[in-house]
N, C-alpha and C. Protein backbone atom coordinates (compact mmCIF):
# COMPACT_ATOMS: atom_id res chain seq x y z
N MET A 1 0.83 -1.17 0.00
CA MET A 1 0.00 0.00 0.00
C MET A 1 0.88 1.24 0.00
N GLU A 2 0.52 2.18 -0.81
CA GLU A 2 1.29 3.42 -0.94
C GLU A 2 1.08 4.32 0.28
N GLU A 3 2.18 4.82 0.86
CA GLU A 3 2.09 5.70 2.01
C GLU A 3 1.81 7.13 1.53
N ARG A 4 0.80 7.74 2.11
CA ARG A 4 0.43 9.10 1.73
C ARG A 4 1.04 10.10 2.69
N PRO A 5 1.24 11.33 2.24
CA PRO A 5 1.70 12.37 3.17
C PRO A 5 0.57 12.71 4.13
N PRO A 6 0.88 13.36 5.24
CA PRO A 6 -0.18 13.73 6.19
C PRO A 6 -1.16 14.69 5.52
N PRO A 7 -2.39 14.71 6.02
CA PRO A 7 -3.39 15.60 5.45
C PRO A 7 -2.95 17.06 5.52
N ASP A 8 -3.27 17.81 4.49
CA ASP A 8 -2.98 19.24 4.44
C ASP A 8 -4.30 19.99 4.55
N PRO A 9 -4.61 20.55 5.73
CA PRO A 9 -5.89 21.23 5.91
C PRO A 9 -6.14 22.34 4.89
N SER A 10 -5.11 23.03 4.46
CA SER A 10 -5.28 24.11 3.48
C SER A 10 -5.76 23.55 2.15
N LYS A 11 -5.18 22.45 1.72
CA LYS A 11 -5.59 21.83 0.45
C LYS A 11 -7.00 21.26 0.55
N LEU A 12 -7.31 20.66 1.70
CA LEU A 12 -8.65 20.12 1.88
C LEU A 12 -9.69 21.23 1.87
N LEU A 13 -9.39 22.34 2.50
CA LEU A 13 -10.30 23.48 2.48
C LEU A 13 -10.47 24.02 1.07
N ALA A 14 -9.40 24.10 0.31
CA ALA A 14 -9.48 24.57 -1.07
C ALA A 14 -10.37 23.64 -1.90
N THR A 15 -10.26 22.34 -1.67
CA THR A 15 -11.11 21.38 -2.36
C THR A 15 -12.56 21.60 -1.98
N TRP A 16 -12.81 21.77 -0.71
CA TRP A 16 -14.18 22.02 -0.23
C TRP A 16 -14.75 23.29 -0.86
N MET A 17 -13.96 24.34 -0.94
CA MET A 17 -14.41 25.60 -1.51
C MET A 17 -14.72 25.44 -2.99
N GLU A 18 -13.97 24.60 -3.71
CA GLU A 18 -14.27 24.31 -5.11
C GLU A 18 -15.65 23.70 -5.24
N TRP A 19 -15.98 22.81 -4.30
CA TRP A 19 -17.29 22.18 -4.31
C TRP A 19 -18.37 23.23 -4.08
N GLU A 20 -18.17 24.13 -3.12
CA GLU A 20 -19.17 25.15 -2.83
C GLU A 20 -19.38 26.08 -4.02
N LYS A 21 -18.33 26.34 -4.77
CA LYS A 21 -18.43 27.20 -5.95
C LYS A 21 -19.03 26.46 -7.14
N GLY A 22 -19.11 25.14 -7.06
CA GLY A 22 -19.62 24.35 -8.17
C GLY A 22 -18.59 24.12 -9.25
N GLY A 23 -17.30 24.24 -8.88
CA GLY A 23 -16.23 24.11 -9.86
C GLY A 23 -15.92 22.69 -10.28
N GLU A 24 -16.32 21.72 -9.49
CA GLU A 24 -16.06 20.30 -9.80
C GLU A 24 -17.32 19.49 -9.54
N THR A 25 -17.36 18.31 -10.12
CA THR A 25 -18.48 17.41 -9.86
C THR A 25 -18.36 16.84 -8.45
N PRO A 26 -19.50 16.49 -7.83
CA PRO A 26 -19.45 15.93 -6.48
C PRO A 26 -18.55 14.70 -6.37
N GLY A 27 -18.59 13.83 -7.38
CA GLY A 27 -17.74 12.64 -7.34
C GLY A 27 -16.26 12.97 -7.32
N ARG A 28 -15.84 13.96 -8.09
CA ARG A 28 -14.45 14.38 -8.14
C ARG A 28 -14.05 15.00 -6.80
N ILE A 29 -14.94 15.80 -6.22
CA ILE A 29 -14.65 16.43 -4.93
C ILE A 29 -14.45 15.37 -3.86
N ILE A 30 -15.37 14.40 -3.80
CA ILE A 30 -15.25 13.34 -2.80
C ILE A 30 -13.94 12.58 -2.99
N ALA A 31 -13.60 12.28 -4.22
CA ALA A 31 -12.34 11.57 -4.49
C ALA A 31 -11.15 12.40 -4.02
N ASN A 32 -11.17 13.69 -4.29
CA ASN A 32 -10.06 14.56 -3.87
C ASN A 32 -9.98 14.67 -2.35
N LEU A 33 -11.13 14.74 -1.69
CA LEU A 33 -11.12 14.80 -0.22
C LEU A 33 -10.58 13.49 0.36
N LYS A 34 -10.97 12.38 -0.25
CA LYS A 34 -10.51 11.07 0.23
C LYS A 34 -9.00 10.94 0.07
N THR A 35 -8.51 11.21 -1.13
CA THR A 35 -7.06 11.06 -1.35
C THR A 35 -6.26 12.14 -0.62
N GLY A 36 -6.91 13.25 -0.31
CA GLY A 36 -6.24 14.32 0.43
C GLY A 36 -6.15 14.09 1.91
N GLY A 37 -6.85 13.05 2.42
CA GLY A 37 -6.72 12.70 3.83
C GLY A 37 -7.80 13.27 4.74
N MET A 38 -8.97 13.57 4.19
CA MET A 38 -10.03 14.13 5.03
C MET A 38 -10.38 13.21 6.19
N ARG A 39 -10.48 11.92 5.95
CA ARG A 39 -10.80 10.99 7.03
C ARG A 39 -9.76 11.05 8.13
N GLU A 40 -8.50 11.01 7.75
CA GLU A 40 -7.42 11.04 8.74
C GLU A 40 -7.45 12.34 9.55
N LEU A 41 -7.70 13.45 8.87
CA LEU A 41 -7.76 14.74 9.57
C LEU A 41 -8.91 14.74 10.57
N LEU A 42 -10.06 14.27 10.16
CA LEU A 42 -11.20 14.22 11.08
C LEU A 42 -10.95 13.28 12.24
N GLU A 43 -10.30 12.14 11.98
CA GLU A 43 -9.96 11.21 13.07
C GLU A 43 -9.03 11.86 14.08
N GLN A 44 -8.06 12.62 13.59
CA GLN A 44 -7.13 13.32 14.48
C GLN A 44 -7.86 14.36 15.33
N LEU A 45 -8.77 15.10 14.70
CA LEU A 45 -9.53 16.12 15.43
C LEU A 45 -10.42 15.50 16.50
N VAL A 46 -11.04 14.37 16.19
CA VAL A 46 -11.89 13.68 17.16
C VAL A 46 -11.04 13.19 18.33
N ALA A 47 -9.87 12.65 18.05
CA ALA A 47 -8.98 12.16 19.12
C ALA A 47 -8.57 13.30 20.04
N VAL A 48 -8.23 14.44 19.47
CA VAL A 48 -7.84 15.60 20.28
C VAL A 48 -9.01 16.07 21.13
N GLN A 49 -10.19 16.11 20.53
CA GLN A 49 -11.38 16.54 21.26
C GLN A 49 -11.66 15.60 22.44
N LYS A 50 -11.54 14.30 22.23
CA LYS A 50 -11.77 13.32 23.30
C LYS A 50 -10.74 13.50 24.42
N GLU A 51 -9.49 13.73 24.05
CA GLU A 51 -8.45 13.95 25.06
C GLU A 51 -8.74 15.19 25.89
N GLN A 52 -9.18 16.25 25.23
CA GLN A 52 -9.50 17.49 25.93
C GLN A 52 -10.69 17.30 26.87
N GLN A 53 -11.69 16.55 26.43
CA GLN A 53 -12.85 16.29 27.28
C GLN A 53 -12.48 15.42 28.46
N ALA A 54 -11.59 14.47 28.26
CA ALA A 54 -11.18 13.57 29.33
C ALA A 54 -10.36 14.31 30.39
N SER A 55 -9.62 15.32 29.98
CA SER A 55 -8.78 16.04 30.94
C SER A 55 -9.51 17.20 31.61
N SER A 56 -10.76 17.43 31.22
CA SER A 56 -11.55 18.51 31.83
C SER A 56 -12.20 18.08 33.11
């Protein structure tokens, strides 16, 4: 399996903004978000949120 670089929030946001502008088809946007690491970024954010809640 090919190792991907860590998610780049700036690139993911740019992809999302393309979708909001209607610049790409929904299928292409989803593919770009997937290969860009959206899942990994969200998993990291959820983990941080859980840690913060546990330490409160």
